[in-house]
Amino acid sequence: MNSNDDDNSVSSVNVWNFSSYSVPFVSQSLTIHVVSDCEADRAARAKSFFSMGYHVEIYANSDELLTHRPSNGIIFIRDDNIDLTIDLINKMKISGHYLPIIGYCTHFDVDKLIQSIKVGAIDFVTDSTPPQILREKIEHGILQSKSIKADFDKRREASLLMSTLTKREFNVLALLADGHTSKEIARELEISPRTVEIHRRHILRKFSVKTTIHAVYIKYILGNMAY
């Protein structure tokens, strides 16, 4: 394909035009990671973000992004059905890797938008989002992502600790978290109170904490996690 063909394919995509806006300070060191299965769309988004002053990396799909495991920046993923955004967030949680994500699409379903925000997306925009608003969302997303990443890291560490427990230790901890005494747990699990205490000590040792309260807090971080 010659350069004229490339220009034509990009121009057919509805893109954000940043030419009339000044480059904010935050953009000087920020990388935008564009994920789209459409080559013309990737090129168009890259051109738009470059004109805004951002560094841009492009990927054909989320698996390609995760293979490269970028360490900083913000992800823009083309997702007209919202499902790709949720899938990427879940994959990042499994891999223990986090970057803030903003989805973009032509039109979006409000219910799916809310669902994506709940699982961890920073925001969602459409192809018609005004450039200045888009820029504000990027800057807000970077600031917001700091607290989200801290929570993500905390949950990842808690998940790793929980994965060291045996099924019996997990059940003991779950009952401790519900406020049961060792005797009550022993009756529930049909074991002796002494065995419950042994499991409790093993939990504290594996978590490297000194009190049951700290161990319960680690479980609390993960919510109602099932073994």
Protein backbone atom coordinates (compact mmCIF):
# COMPACT_ATOMS: atom_id res chain seq x y z
CA MET A 1 0.00 0.00 0.00
CA ASN A 2 1.45 3.41 -0.98
CA SER A 3 1.46 6.55 1.18
CA ASN A 4 -1.62 7.95 -0.54
CA ASP A 5 -3.57 4.80 0.32
CA ASP A 6 -2.42 5.08 3.93
CA ASP A 7 -3.61 8.69 4.12
CA ASN A 8 -6.98 7.79 2.66
CA SER A 9 -7.55 4.90 5.09
CA VAL A 10 -6.73 7.06 8.10
CA SER A 11 -8.84 9.99 6.99
CA SER A 12 -11.89 7.75 6.77
CA VAL A 13 -11.75 7.17 10.52
CA ASN A 14 -13.48 9.65 12.83
CA VAL A 15 -10.59 11.05 14.92
CA TRP A 16 -10.06 13.59 17.65
CA ASN A 17 -8.44 16.82 16.39
CA PHE A 18 -6.06 18.39 18.90
CA SER A 19 -4.44 20.93 16.58
CA SER A 20 -6.13 23.92 18.23
CA TYR A 21 -5.10 23.00 21.78
CA SER A 22 -1.84 23.63 23.63
CA VAL A 23 0.16 20.70 24.98
CA PRO A 24 -0.22 20.28 28.75
CA PHE A 25 2.77 19.62 30.97
CA VAL A 26 1.60 16.09 31.86
CA SER A 27 1.82 14.99 28.22
CA GLN A 28 5.57 15.48 28.03
CA SER A 29 6.34 12.17 29.76
CA LEU A 30 3.13 10.21 29.19
CA THR A 31 2.74 7.25 26.86
CA ILE A 32 -0.64 6.41 25.34
CA HIS A 33 -1.02 2.72 24.52
CA VAL A 34 -3.63 2.38 21.74
CA VAL A 35 -5.27 -1.04 21.38
CA SER A 36 -7.44 -1.57 18.29
CA ASP A 37 -7.97 -4.42 15.85
CA CYS A 38 -8.35 -1.89 13.01
CA GLU A 39 -5.07 -0.77 11.44
CA ALA A 40 -6.56 2.48 10.12
CA ASP A 41 -8.03 3.26 13.53
CA ARG A 42 -4.67 2.63 15.28
CA ALA A 43 -2.91 4.95 12.85
CA ALA A 44 -5.56 7.64 13.24
CA ARG A 45 -5.47 7.54 17.05
CA ALA A 46 -1.68 7.57 17.05
CA LYS A 47 -1.68 10.63 14.78
CA SER A 48 -4.13 12.42 17.06
CA PHE A 49 -2.22 11.68 20.25
CA PHE A 50 1.14 12.54 18.65
CA SER A 51 -0.28 15.93 17.67
CA MET A 52 -1.26 16.42 21.31
CA GLY A 53 2.31 15.82 22.42
CA TYR A 54 2.03 12.29 23.81
CA HIS A 55 4.28 9.37 23.01
CA VAL A 56 2.19 6.59 21.44
CA GLU A 57 2.54 2.80 21.22
CA ILE A 58 0.04 0.74 19.20
CA TYR A 59 -1.20 -2.85 19.57
CA ALA A 60 -3.53 -4.99 17.49
CA ASN A 61 -5.15 -6.62 20.54
CA SER A 62 -4.93 -6.96 24.31
CA ASP A 63 -2.76 -10.08 24.15
CA GLU A 64 -0.12 -8.17 22.20
CA LEU A 65 -0.23 -5.42 24.82
CA LEU A 66 0.16 -7.89 27.69
CA THR A 67 3.07 -9.59 25.92
CA HIS A 68 4.97 -6.28 25.92
CA ARG A 69 3.88 -5.48 29.53
CA PRO A 70 4.36 -1.69 29.36
CA SER A 71 5.39 -0.30 32.74
CA ASN A 72 3.82 3.16 32.49
CA GLY A 73 1.29 5.27 30.63
CA ILE A 74 -2.42 4.90 30.00
CA ILE A 75 -4.29 2.44 27.76
CA PHE A 76 -6.88 3.49 25.17
CA ILE A 77 -8.74 0.45 23.87
CA ARG A 78 -11.20 0.42 20.97
CA ASP A 79 -14.25 -1.39 22.30
CA ASP A 80 -17.64 -0.83 20.71
CA ASN A 81 -19.17 -3.60 22.84
CA ILE A 82 -17.42 -2.77 26.15
CA ASP A 83 -16.59 -6.48 26.56
CA LEU A 84 -12.98 -6.07 25.39
CA THR A 85 -12.28 -3.52 28.13
CA ILE A 86 -13.62 -5.80 30.84
CA ASP A 87 -11.67 -8.74 29.38
CA LEU A 88 -8.43 -6.72 29.37
CA ILE A 89 -8.93 -5.61 32.96
CA ASN A 90 -9.51 -9.20 34.07
CA LYS A 91 -6.40 -10.38 32.20
CA MET A 92 -4.35 -7.65 33.85
CA LYS A 93 -5.61 -8.67 37.27
CA ILE A 94 -4.62 -12.28 36.60
CA SER A 95 -1.18 -11.30 35.32
CA GLY A 96 -0.60 -8.95 38.24
CA HIS A 97 -0.02 -6.02 35.89
CA TYR A 98 -1.81 -2.69 36.01
CA LEU A 99 -2.15 0.39 33.84
CA PRO A 100 -5.13 2.77 33.79
CA ILE A 101 -7.59 2.03 30.99
CA ILE A 102 -9.91 4.31 29.04
CA GLY A 103 -12.19 2.66 26.50
CA TYR A 104 -13.37 4.39 23.36
CA CYS A 105 -16.15 3.53 20.95
CA THR A 106 -18.71 4.95 18.54
CA HIS A 107 -21.68 4.48 20.88
CA PHE A 108 -21.81 2.73 24.24
CA ASP A 109 -24.41 0.99 26.35
CA VAL A 110 -24.80 2.70 29.74
CA ASP A 111 -25.19 -0.56 31.70
CA LYS A 112 -22.03 -2.02 30.18
CA LEU A 113 -20.23 1.26 30.76
CA ILE A 114 -21.09 1.12 34.45
CA GLN A 115 -19.96 -2.51 34.56
CA SER A 116 -16.57 -1.64 33.05
CA ILE A 117 -16.06 1.20 35.54
CA LYS A 118 -16.92 -1.13 38.41
CA VAL A 119 -14.27 -3.66 37.39
CA GLY A 120 -11.59 -1.00 37.04
CA ALA A 121 -11.81 1.13 33.89
CA ILE A 122 -10.97 4.79 34.44
CA ASP A 123 -13.46 6.13 31.92
CA PHE A 124 -15.14 5.65 28.55
CA VAL A 125 -15.28 8.12 25.67
CA THR A 126 -16.79 8.14 22.21
CA ASP A 127 -15.34 9.14 18.86
CA SER A 128 -17.25 12.40 19.18
CA THR A 129 -15.87 13.37 22.61
CA PRO A 130 -14.60 16.99 22.36
CA PRO A 131 -10.77 17.13 22.38
CA GLN A 132 -10.47 19.32 25.47
CA ILE A 133 -12.74 17.01 27.47
CA LEU A 134 -10.73 14.01 26.28
CA ARG A 135 -7.54 15.68 27.44
CA GLU A 136 -9.07 16.40 30.84
CA LYS A 137 -10.14 12.77 31.15
CA ILE A 138 -6.58 11.63 30.40
CA GLU A 139 -5.09 13.92 33.03
CA HIS A 140 -7.77 12.98 35.56
CA GLY A 141 -7.25 9.31 34.73
CA ILE A 142 -3.53 9.52 35.50
CA LEU A 143 -4.20 11.13 38.87
CA GLN A 144 -7.01 8.70 39.69
CA SER A 145 -4.93 5.70 38.64
CA LYS A 146 -2.43 6.27 41.46
CA SER A 147 -4.94 5.31 44.13
CA ILE A 148 -6.34 2.52 41.95
CA LYS A 149 -2.86 1.08 41.39
CA ALA A 150 -2.18 1.18 45.14
CA ASP A 151 -5.39 -0.78 45.71
CA PHE A 152 -4.51 -3.15 42.84
CA ASP A 153 -1.06 -3.84 44.33
CA LYS A 154 -2.58 -4.40 47.77
CA ARG A 155 -5.09 -6.89 46.38
CA ARG A 156 -2.39 -8.67 44.38
CA GLU A 157 -0.24 -9.09 47.48
CA ALA A 158 -3.22 -10.30 49.48
CA SER A 159 -4.12 -12.77 46.73
CA LEU A 160 -0.60 -14.18 46.74
CA LEU A 161 -0.74 -14.64 50.51
CA MET A 162 -4.18 -16.27 50.36
CA SER A 163 -2.94 -18.69 47.70
CA THR A 164 -0.46 -20.13 50.22
CA LEU A 165 -3.25 -21.43 52.45
CA THR A 166 -4.55 -24.97 52.43
CA LYS A 167 -8.30 -25.43 52.04
CA ARG A 168 -8.65 -26.12 55.77
CA GLU A 169 -6.62 -23.01 56.68
CA PHE A 170 -8.79 -20.96 54.33
CA ASN A 171 -11.96 -22.25 56.00
CA VAL A 172 -10.57 -21.47 59.45
CA LEU A 173 -9.66 -17.95 58.40
CA ALA A 174 -13.09 -17.40 56.83
CA LEU A 175 -14.79 -18.40 60.09
CA LEU A 176 -12.40 -16.24 62.12
CA ALA A 177 -13.30 -13.34 59.82
CA ASP A 178 -17.00 -13.97 60.60
CA GLY A 179 -16.22 -13.56 64.32
CA HIS A 180 -16.33 -17.21 65.43
CA THR A 181 -14.29 -18.46 68.37
CA SER A 182 -11.90 -21.41 68.13
CA LYS A 183 -14.45 -23.66 69.88
CA GLU A 184 -17.21 -22.62 67.45
CA ILE A 185 -14.91 -23.21 64.49
CA ALA A 186 -13.98 -26.62 65.86
CA ARG A 187 -17.65 -27.61 66.03
CA GLU A 188 -18.34 -26.23 62.55
CA LEU A 189 -15.41 -28.04 60.93
CA GLU A 190 -15.66 -31.11 63.21
CA ILE A 191 -12.09 -30.82 64.43
CA SER A 192 -10.60 -30.15 67.87
CA PRO A 193 -10.04 -26.61 69.23
CA ARG A 194 -6.35 -27.45 69.44
CA THR A 195 -6.28 -28.24 65.71
CA VAL A 196 -7.98 -24.90 65.02
CA GLU A 197 -5.21 -23.14 66.96
CA ILE A 198 -2.57 -25.00 64.96
CA HIS A 199 -4.20 -23.85 61.70
CA ARG A 200 -4.41 -20.30 63.04
CA ARG A 201 -0.69 -20.26 63.87
CA HIS A 202 0.12 -21.59 60.39
CA ILE A 203 -1.95 -18.77 58.86
CA LEU A 204 -0.13 -16.12 60.89
CA ARG A 205 3.23 -17.59 59.92
CA LYS A 206 2.38 -17.72 56.22
CA PHE A 207 1.09 -14.13 56.29
CA SER A 208 4.06 -12.93 58.37
CA VAL A 209 1.73 -11.21 60.83
CA LYS A 210 1.47 -11.44 64.61
CA THR A 211 -2.26 -11.18 65.21
CA THR A 212 -5.43 -12.75 63.89
CA ILE A 213 -6.82 -9.26 63.20
CA HIS A 214 -4.05 -8.64 60.66
CA ALA A 215 -4.73 -11.98 59.00
CA VAL A 216 -8.45 -11.24 58.79
CA TYR A 217 -7.67 -7.84 57.26
CA ILE A 218 -5.73 -9.52 54.46
CA LYS A 219 -8.79 -11.64 53.68
CA TYR A 220 -10.99 -8.56 53.92
CA ILE A 221 -8.95 -6.87 51.17
CA LEU A 222 -10.06 -9.57 48.76
CA GLY A 223 -13.70 -9.48 49.80
CA ASN A 224 -15.74 -12.67 49.46
CA MET A 225 -13.05 -14.67 47.72
CA ALA A 226 -13.92 -18.35 47.30
CA TYR A 227 -11.31 -21.05 47.74
